Amino acid sequence: MAVRIRLRRIGAKKKPFYRIVVADARAPRDGRFIEELGHYDPISKKCVVDGEKALTWIKNGAQPTDTGRALLKKNGVIS
């Protein structure tokens, strides 16, 4: 099973808000996920990530998407 660290949109129309989740790569964007790692608000540029959980998933083989990788770098979880 290919596991990804990616964003899941939960915001209203014209007000985006995302949760950073670990999900199967075949699952829909807003569909089923395995675990929630944090959240991201692009309007206020606020991002909160649980670094320990993220590193654990990366060590177990989860691949972050491009946006997920950028947010993890921004928070200092990965280099």
PDB file of N, CA and C in Angstrom:
ATOM      1  N   MET A   1       0.852  -1.180   0.000  1.00  0.00           N
ATOM      2  CA  MET A   1       0.000   0.000   0.000  1.00  0.00           C
ATOM      3  C   MET A   1       0.893   1.237   0.000  1.00  0.00           C
ATOM      4  N   ALA A   2       0.699   2.124  -0.977  1.00  0.00           N
ATOM      5  CA  ALA A   2       1.450   3.370  -1.062  1.00  0.00           C
ATOM      6  C   ALA A   2       0.794   4.407  -0.155  1.00  0.00           C
ATOM      7  N   VAL A   3       1.556   4.902   0.812  1.00  0.00           N
ATOM      8  CA  VAL A   3       1.030   5.850   1.787  1.00  0.00           C
ATOM      9  C   VAL A   3       1.655   7.217   1.533  1.00  0.00           C
ATOM     10  N   ARG A   4       0.812   8.264   1.572  1.00  0.00           N
ATOM     11  CA  ARG A   4       1.254   9.626   1.307  1.00  0.00           C
ATOM     12  C   ARG A   4       0.907  10.541   2.470  1.00  0.00           C
ATOM     13  N   ILE A   5       1.740  11.543   2.673  1.00  0.00           N
ATOM     14  CA  ILE A   5       1.424  12.633   3.593  1.00  0.00           C
ATOM     15  C   ILE A   5       0.966  13.773   2.696  1.00  0.00           C
ATOM     16  N   ARG A   6      -0.303  14.161   2.822  1.00  0.00           N
ATOM     17  CA  ARG A   6      -0.873  15.145   1.903  1.00  0.00           C
ATOM     18  C   ARG A   6      -1.912  16.008   2.592  1.00  0.00           C
ATOM     19  N   LEU A   7      -2.483  16.945   1.823  1.00  0.00           N
ATOM     20  CA  LEU A   7      -3.475  17.864   2.365  1.00  0.00           C
ATOM     21  C   LEU A   7      -4.884  17.386   2.058  1.00  0.00           C
ATOM     22  N   ARG A   8      -5.787  17.628   2.996  1.00  0.00           N
ATOM     23  CA  ARG A   8      -7.203  17.294   2.852  1.00  0.00           C
ATOM     24  C   ARG A   8      -7.986  18.577   3.079  1.00  0.00           C
ATOM     25  N   ARG A   9      -8.698  19.045   2.063  1.00  0.00           N
ATOM     26  CA  ARG A   9      -9.417  20.318   2.173  1.00  0.00           C
ATOM     27  C   ARG A   9     -10.700  20.150   2.969  1.00  0.00           C
ATOM     28  N   ILE A  10     -10.884  21.043   3.965  1.00  0.00           N
ATOM     29  CA  ILE A  10     -12.108  21.020   4.752  1.00  0.00           C
ATOM     30  C   ILE A  10     -12.763  22.392   4.798  1.00  0.00           C
ATOM     31  N   GLY A  11     -12.172  23.400   4.174  1.00  0.00           N
ATOM     32  CA  GLY A  11     -12.689  24.757   4.230  1.00  0.00           C
ATOM     33  C   GLY A  11     -13.924  24.972   3.379  1.00  0.00           C
ATOM     34  N   ALA A  12     -14.591  26.088   3.631  1.00  0.00           N
ATOM     35  CA  ALA A  12     -15.763  26.468   2.858  1.00  0.00           C
ATOM     36  C   ALA A  12     -15.338  27.068   1.516  1.00  0.00           C
ATOM     37  N   LYS A  13     -16.305  27.347   0.687  1.00  0.00           N
ATOM     38  CA  LYS A  13     -16.023  27.945  -0.610  1.00  0.00           C
ATOM     39  C   LYS A  13     -15.358  29.304  -0.415  1.00  0.00           C
ATOM     40  N   LYS A  14     -14.279  29.549  -1.126  1.00  0.00           N
ATOM     41  CA  LYS A  14     -13.483  30.789  -1.064  1.00  0.00           C
ATOM     42  C   LYS A  14     -12.765  30.981   0.274  1.00  0.00           C
ATOM     43  N   LYS A  15     -12.830  30.009   1.179  1.00  0.00           N
ATOM     44  CA  LYS A  15     -12.130  30.065   2.470  1.00  0.00           C
ATOM     45  C   LYS A  15     -11.418  28.740   2.687  1.00  0.00           C
ATOM     46  N   PRO A  16     -10.302  28.509   2.008  1.00  0.00           N
ATOM     47  CA  PRO A  16      -9.637  27.210   2.130  1.00  0.00           C
ATOM     48  C   PRO A  16      -9.042  26.990   3.520  1.00  0.00           C
ATOM     49  N   PHE A  17      -9.094  25.755   3.959  1.00  0.00           N
ATOM     50  CA  PHE A  17      -8.468  25.310   5.197  1.00  0.00           C
ATOM     51  C   PHE A  17      -8.138  23.843   4.978  1.00  0.00           C
ATOM     52  N   TYR A  18      -6.955  23.436   5.363  1.00  0.00           N
ATOM     53  CA  TYR A  18      -6.505  22.081   5.071  1.00  0.00           C
ATOM     54  C   TYR A  18      -6.053  21.361   6.328  1.00  0.00           C
ATOM     55  N   ARG A  19      -6.255  20.055   6.335  1.00  0.00           N
ATOM     56  CA  ARG A  19      -5.672  19.195   7.357  1.00  0.00           C
ATOM     57  C   ARG A  19      -4.553  18.409   6.698  1.00  0.00           C
ATOM     58  N   ILE A  20      -3.450  18.241   7.403  1.00  0.00           N
ATOM     59  CA  ILE A  20      -2.325  17.451   6.914  1.00  0.00           C
ATOM     60  C   ILE A  20      -2.552  16.031   7.424  1.00  0.00           C
ATOM     61  N   VAL A  21      -2.711  15.103   6.489  1.00  0.00           N
ATOM     62  CA  VAL A  21      -3.088  13.735   6.860  1.00  0.00           C
ATOM     63  C   VAL A  21      -2.174  12.717   6.190  1.00  0.00           C
ATOM     64  N   VAL A  22      -2.201  11.515   6.735  1.00  0.00           N
ATOM     65  CA  VAL A  22      -1.553  10.355   6.127  1.00  0.00           C
ATOM     66  C   VAL A  22      -2.680   9.533   5.507  1.00  0.00           C
ATOM     67  N   ALA A  23      -2.567   9.279   4.192  1.00  0.00           N
ATOM     68  CA  ALA A  23      -3.638   8.572   3.493  1.00  0.00           C
ATOM     69  C   ALA A  23      -3.065   7.639   2.443  1.00  0.00           C
ATOM     70  N   ASP A  24      -3.855   6.657   2.074  1.00  0.00           N
ATOM     71  CA  ASP A  24      -3.510   5.774   0.967  1.00  0.00           C
ATOM     72  C   ASP A  24      -3.514   6.620  -0.304  1.00  0.00           C
ATOM     73  N   ALA A  25      -2.541   6.432  -1.161  1.00  0.00           N
ATOM     74  CA  ALA A  25      -2.405   7.234  -2.371  1.00  0.00           C
ATOM     75  C   ALA A  25      -3.608   7.081  -3.297  1.00  0.00           C
ATOM     76  N   ARG A  26      -4.322   5.963  -3.202  1.00  0.00           N
ATOM     77  CA  ARG A  26      -5.471   5.718  -4.082  1.00  0.00           C
ATOM     78  C   ARG A  26      -6.762   6.332  -3.561  1.00  0.00           C
ATOM     79  N   ALA A  27      -6.777   6.810  -2.319  1.00  0.00           N
ATOM     80  CA  ALA A  27      -7.987   7.382  -1.730  1.00  0.00           C
ATOM     81  C   ALA A  27      -8.247   8.779  -2.310  1.00  0.00           C
ATOM     82  N   PRO A  28      -9.516   9.206  -2.384  1.00  0.00           N
ATOM     83  CA  PRO A  28      -9.816  10.550  -2.875  1.00  0.00           C
ATOM     84  C   PRO A  28      -9.229  11.633  -1.968  1.00  0.00           C
ATOM     85  N   ARG A  29      -9.077  12.829  -2.518  1.00  0.00           N
ATOM     86  CA  ARG A  29      -8.448  13.932  -1.774  1.00  0.00           C
ATOM     87  C   ARG A  29      -9.114  14.163  -0.422  1.00  0.00           C
ATOM     88  N   ASP A  30     -10.435  14.232  -0.402  1.00  0.00           N
ATOM     89  CA  ASP A  30     -11.155  14.497   0.842  1.00  0.00           C
ATOM     90  C   ASP A  30     -11.747  13.230   1.444  1.00  0.00           C
ATOM     91  N   GLY A  31     -11.271  12.084   0.994  1.00  0.00           N
ATOM     92  CA  GLY A  31     -11.824  10.809   1.440  1.00  0.00           C
ATOM     93  C   GLY A  31     -11.150  10.267   2.684  1.00  0.00           C
ATOM     94  N   ARG A  32     -11.130   8.960   2.752  1.00  0.00           N
ATOM     95  CA  ARG A  32     -10.622   8.249   3.918  1.00  0.00           C
ATOM     96  C   ARG A  32      -9.141   8.526   4.141  1.00  0.00           C
ATOM     97  N   PHE A  33      -8.752   8.662   5.402  1.00  0.00           N
ATOM     98  CA  PHE A  33      -7.355   8.846   5.743  1.00  0.00           C
ATOM     99  C   PHE A  33      -7.006   7.992   6.944  1.00  0.00           C
ATOM    100  N   ILE A  34      -5.718   7.825   7.184  1.00  0.00           N
ATOM    101  CA  ILE A  34      -5.253   6.948   8.258  1.00  0.00           C
ATOM    102  C   ILE A  34      -5.070   7.714   9.560  1.00  0.00           C
ATOM    103  N   GLU A  35      -4.374   8.860   9.484  1.00  0.00           N
ATOM    104  CA  GLU A  35      -4.102   9.634  10.690  1.00  0.00           C
ATOM    105  C   GLU A  35      -3.933  11.103  10.331  1.00  0.00           C
ATOM    106  N   GLU A  36      -4.343  11.978  11.242  1.00  0.00           N
ATOM    107  CA  GLU A  36      -4.192  13.421  11.054  1.00  0.00           C
ATOM    108  C   GLU A  36      -2.901  13.885  11.746  1.00  0.00           C
ATOM    109  N   LEU A  37      -2.097  14.678  11.028  1.00  0.00           N
ATOM    110  CA  LEU A  37      -0.822  15.157  11.565  1.00  0.00           C
ATOM    111  C   LEU A  37      -0.843  16.620  11.949  1.00  0.00           C
ATOM    112  N   GLY A  38      -1.769  17.399  11.413  1.00  0.00           N
ATOM    113  CA  GLY A  38      -1.812  18.824  11.714  1.00  0.00           C
ATOM    114  C   GLY A  38      -2.788  19.539  10.809  1.00  0.00           C
ATOM    115  N   HIS A  39      -2.645  20.876  10.736  1.00  0.00           N
ATOM    116  CA  HIS A  39      -3.523  21.661   9.876  1.00  0.00           C
ATOM    117  C   HIS A  39      -2.770  22.853   9.305  1.00  0.00           C
ATOM    118  N   TYR A  40      -3.333  23.421   8.228  1.00  0.00           N
ATOM    119  CA  TYR A  40      -2.719  24.534   7.507  1.00  0.00           C
ATOM    120  C   TYR A  40      -3.793  25.502   7.066  1.00  0.00           C
ATOM    121  N   ASP A  41      -3.609  26.788   7.415  1.00  0.00           N
ATOM    122  CA  ASP A  41      -4.521  27.852   7.005  1.00  0.00           C
ATOM    123  C   ASP A  41      -3.771  28.761   6.036  1.00  0.00           C
ATOM    124  N   PRO A  42      -4.046  28.657   4.722  1.00  0.00           N
ATOM    125  CA  PRO A  42      -3.290  29.451   3.755  1.00  0.00           C
ATOM    126  C   PRO A  42      -3.601  30.943   3.800  1.00  0.00           C
ATOM    127  N   ILE A  43      -4.727  31.335   4.378  1.00  0.00           N
ATOM    128  CA  ILE A  43      -5.073  32.751   4.444  1.00  0.00           C
ATOM    129  C   ILE A  43      -4.202  33.460   5.475  1.00  0.00           C
ATOM    130  N   SER A  44      -4.072  32.883   6.663  1.00  0.00           N
ATOM    131  CA  SER A  44      -3.226  33.484   7.701  1.00  0.00           C
ATOM    132  C   SER A  44      -1.813  32.916   7.692  1.00  0.00           C
ATOM    133  N   LYS A  45      -1.524  31.975   6.792  1.00  0.00           N
ATOM    134  CA  LYS A  45      -0.215  31.322   6.661  1.00  0.00           C
ATOM    135  C   LYS A  45       0.196  30.579   7.932  1.00  0.00           C
ATOM    136  N   LYS A  46      -0.771  30.119   8.703  1.00  0.00           N
ATOM    137  CA  LYS A  46      -0.493  29.395   9.943  1.00  0.00           C
ATOM    138  C   LYS A  46      -0.489  27.895   9.664  1.00  0.00           C
ATOM    139  N   CYS A  47       0.549  27.217  10.137  1.00  0.00           N
ATOM    140  CA  CYS A  47       0.679  25.782   9.924  1.00  0.00           C
ATOM    141  C   CYS A  47       1.129  25.122  11.226  1.00  0.00           C
ATOM    142  N   VAL A  48       0.415  24.093  11.629  1.00  0.00           N
ATOM    143  CA  VAL A  48       0.747  23.340  12.839  1.00  0.00           C
ATOM    144  C   VAL A  48       0.892  21.875  12.447  1.00  0.00           C
ATOM    145  N   VAL A  49       2.046  21.284  12.784  1.00  0.00           N
ATOM    146  CA  VAL A  49       2.314  19.891  12.444  1.00  0.00           C
ATOM    147  C   VAL A  49       2.873  19.173  13.664  1.00  0.00           C
ATOM    148  N   ASP A  50       2.404  17.956  13.914  1.00  0.00           N
ATOM    149  CA  ASP A  50       2.978  17.113  14.964  1.00  0.00           C
ATOM    150  C   ASP A  50       4.215  16.436  14.366  1.00  0.00           C
ATOM    151  N   GLY A  51       5.387  16.967  14.688  1.00  0.00           N
ATOM    152  CA  GLY A  51       6.641  16.504  14.104  1.00  0.00           C
ATOM    153  C   GLY A  51       6.966  15.056  14.408  1.00  0.00           C
ATOM    154  N   GLU A  52       6.667  14.611  15.625  1.00  0.00           N
ATOM    155  CA  GLU A  52       6.969  13.223  16.009  1.00  0.00           C
ATOM    156  C   GLU A  52       6.193  12.233  15.158  1.00  0.00           C
ATOM    157  N   LYS A  53       4.894  12.486  14.999  1.00  0.00           N
ATOM    158  CA  LYS A  53       4.065  11.592  14.188  1.00  0.00           C
ATOM    159  C   LYS A  53       4.535  11.592  12.733  1.00  0.00           C
ATOM    160  N   ALA A  54       4.851  12.783  12.215  1.00  0.00           N
ATOM    161  CA  ALA A  54       5.291  12.890  10.824  1.00  0.00           C
ATOM    162  C   ALA A  54       6.577  12.105  10.592  1.00  0.00           C
ATOM    163  N   LEU A  55       7.545  12.251  11.483  1.00  0.00           N
ATOM    164  CA  LEU A  55       8.809  11.519  11.336  1.00  0.00           C
ATOM    165  C   LEU A  55       8.591  10.015  11.436  1.00  0.00           C
ATOM    166  N   THR A  56       7.701   9.595  12.328  1.00  0.00           N
ATOM    167  CA  THR A  56       7.399   8.171  12.456  1.00  0.00           C
ATOM    168  C   THR A  56       6.847   7.622  11.147  1.00  0.00           C
ATOM    169  N   TRP A  57       5.917   8.345  10.525  1.00  0.00           N
ATOM    170  CA  TRP A  57       5.341   7.892   9.259  1.00  0.00           C
ATOM    171  C   TRP A  57       6.371   7.899   8.144  1.00  0.00           C
ATOM    172  N   ILE A  58       7.241   8.900   8.115  1.00  0.00           N
ATOM    173  CA  ILE A  58       8.276   8.955   7.081  1.00  0.00           C
ATOM    174  C   ILE A  58       9.243   7.786   7.235  1.00  0.00           C
ATOM    175  N   LYS A  59       9.607   7.466   8.475  1.00  0.00           N
ATOM    176  CA  LYS A  59      10.496   6.328   8.718  1.00  0.00           C
ATOM    177  C   LYS A  59       9.836   5.008   8.317  1.00  0.00           C
ATOM    178  N   ASN A  60       8.509   4.950   8.396  1.00  0.00           N
ATOM    179  CA  ASN A  60       7.782   3.741   8.014  1.00  0.00           C
ATOM    180  C   ASN A  60       7.479   3.686   6.521  1.00  0.00           C
ATOM    181  N   GLY A  61       7.930   4.684   5.753  1.00  0.00           N
ATOM    182  CA  GLY A  61       7.796   4.615   4.306  1.00  0.00           C
ATOM    183  C   GLY A  61       6.796   5.557   3.667  1.00  0.00           C
ATOM    184  N   ALA A  62       6.154   6.434   4.433  1.00  0.00           N
ATOM    185  CA  ALA A  62       5.199   7.377   3.845  1.00  0.00           C
ATOM    186  C   ALA A  62       5.958   8.444   3.053  1.00  0.00           C
ATOM    187  N   GLN A  63       5.474   8.751   1.856  1.00  0.00           N
ATOM    188  CA  GLN A  63       6.097   9.755   0.996  1.00  0.00           C
ATOM    189  C   GLN A  63       5.259  11.027   1.017  1.00  0.00           C
ATOM    190  N   PRO A  64       5.823  12.169   1.414  1.00  0.00           N
ATOM    191  CA  PRO A  64       5.042  13.411   1.363  1.00  0.00           C
ATOM    192  C   PRO A  64       4.887  13.904  -0.076  1.00  0.00           C
ATOM    193  N   THR A  65       3.755  14.534  -0.366  1.00  0.00           N
ATOM    194  CA  THR A  65       3.562  15.176  -1.653  1.00  0.00           C
ATOM    195  C   THR A  65       4.428  16.432  -1.688  1.00  0.00           C
ATOM    196  N   ASP A  66       4.491  17.112  -2.823  1.00  0.00           N
ATOM    197  CA  ASP A  66       5.321  18.308  -2.928  1.00  0.00           C
ATOM    198  C   ASP A  66       4.900  19.376  -1.921  1.00  0.00           C
ATOM    199  N   THR A  67       3.604  19.623  -1.815  1.00  0.00           N
ATOM    200  CA  THR A  67       3.102  20.614  -0.861  1.00  0.00           C
ATOM    201  C   THR A  67       3.314  20.141   0.571  1.00  0.00           C
ATOM    202  N   GLY A  68       3.069  18.861   0.816  1.00  0.00           N
ATOM    203  CA  GLY A  68       3.300  18.312   2.153  1.00  0.00           C
ATOM    204  C   GLY A  68       4.748  18.429   2.570  1.00  0.00           C
ATOM    205  N   ARG A  69       5.670  18.168   1.638  1.00  0.00           N
ATOM    206  CA  ARG A  69       7.096  18.284   1.919  1.00  0.00           C
ATOM    207  C   ARG A  69       7.460  19.737   2.241  1.00  0.00           C
ATOM    208  N   ALA A  70       6.900  20.693   1.493  1.00  0.00           N
ATOM    209  CA  ALA A  70       7.190  22.101   1.726  1.00  0.00           C
ATOM    210  C   ALA A  70       6.710  22.541   3.113  1.00  0.00           C
ATOM    211  N   LEU A  71       5.534  22.079   3.522  1.00  0.00           N
ATOM    212  CA  LEU A  71       5.024  22.439   4.848  1.00  0.00           C
ATOM    213  C   LEU A  71       5.835  21.789   5.961  1.00  0.00           C
ATOM    214  N   LEU A  72       6.286  20.564   5.749  1.00  0.00           N
ATOM    215  CA  LEU A  72       7.127  19.900   6.756  1.00  0.00           C
ATOM    216  C   LEU A  72       8.474  20.611   6.878  1.00  0.00           C
ATOM    217  N   LYS A  73       9.029  21.066   5.765  1.00  0.00           N
ATOM    218  CA  LYS A  73      10.286  21.820   5.816  1.00  0.00           C
ATOM    219  C   LYS A  73      10.099  23.155   6.523  1.00  0.00           C
ATOM    220  N   LYS A  74       8.991  23.817   6.232  1.00  0.00           N
ATOM    221  CA  LYS A  74       8.696  25.124   6.834  1.00  0.00           C
ATOM    222  C   LYS A  74       8.638  25.024   8.360  1.00  0.00           C
ATOM    223  N   ASN A  75       8.123  23.907   8.870  1.00  0.00           N
ATOM    224  CA  ASN A  75       7.999  23.699  10.314  1.00  0.00           C
ATOM    225  C   ASN A  75       9.240  23.034  10.917  1.00  0.00           C
ATOM    226  N   GLY A  76      10.246  22.741  10.111  1.00  0.00           N
ATOM    227  CA  GLY A  76      11.484  22.180  10.630  1.00  0.00           C
ATOM    228  C   GLY A  76      11.412  20.700  10.958  1.00  0.00           C
ATOM    229  N   VAL A  77      10.426  20.011  10.450  1.00  0.00           N
ATOM    230  CA  VAL A  77      10.291  18.577  10.725  1.00  0.00           C
ATOM    231  C   VAL A  77      11.325  17.801   9.917  1.00  0.00           C
ATOM    232  N   ILE A  78      11.498  18.172   8.640  1.00  0.00           N
ATOM    233  CA  ILE A  78      12.518  17.561   7.789  1.00  0.00           C
ATOM    234  C   ILE A  78      13.398  18.652   7.235  1.00  0.00           C
ATOM    235  N   SER A  79      14.561  18.267   6.741  1.00  0.00           N
ATOM    236  CA  SER A  79      15.470  19.282   6.193  1.00  0.00           C
ATOM    237  C   SER A  79      15.497  19.254   4.690  1.00  0.00           C
TER     238      SER A  79
END
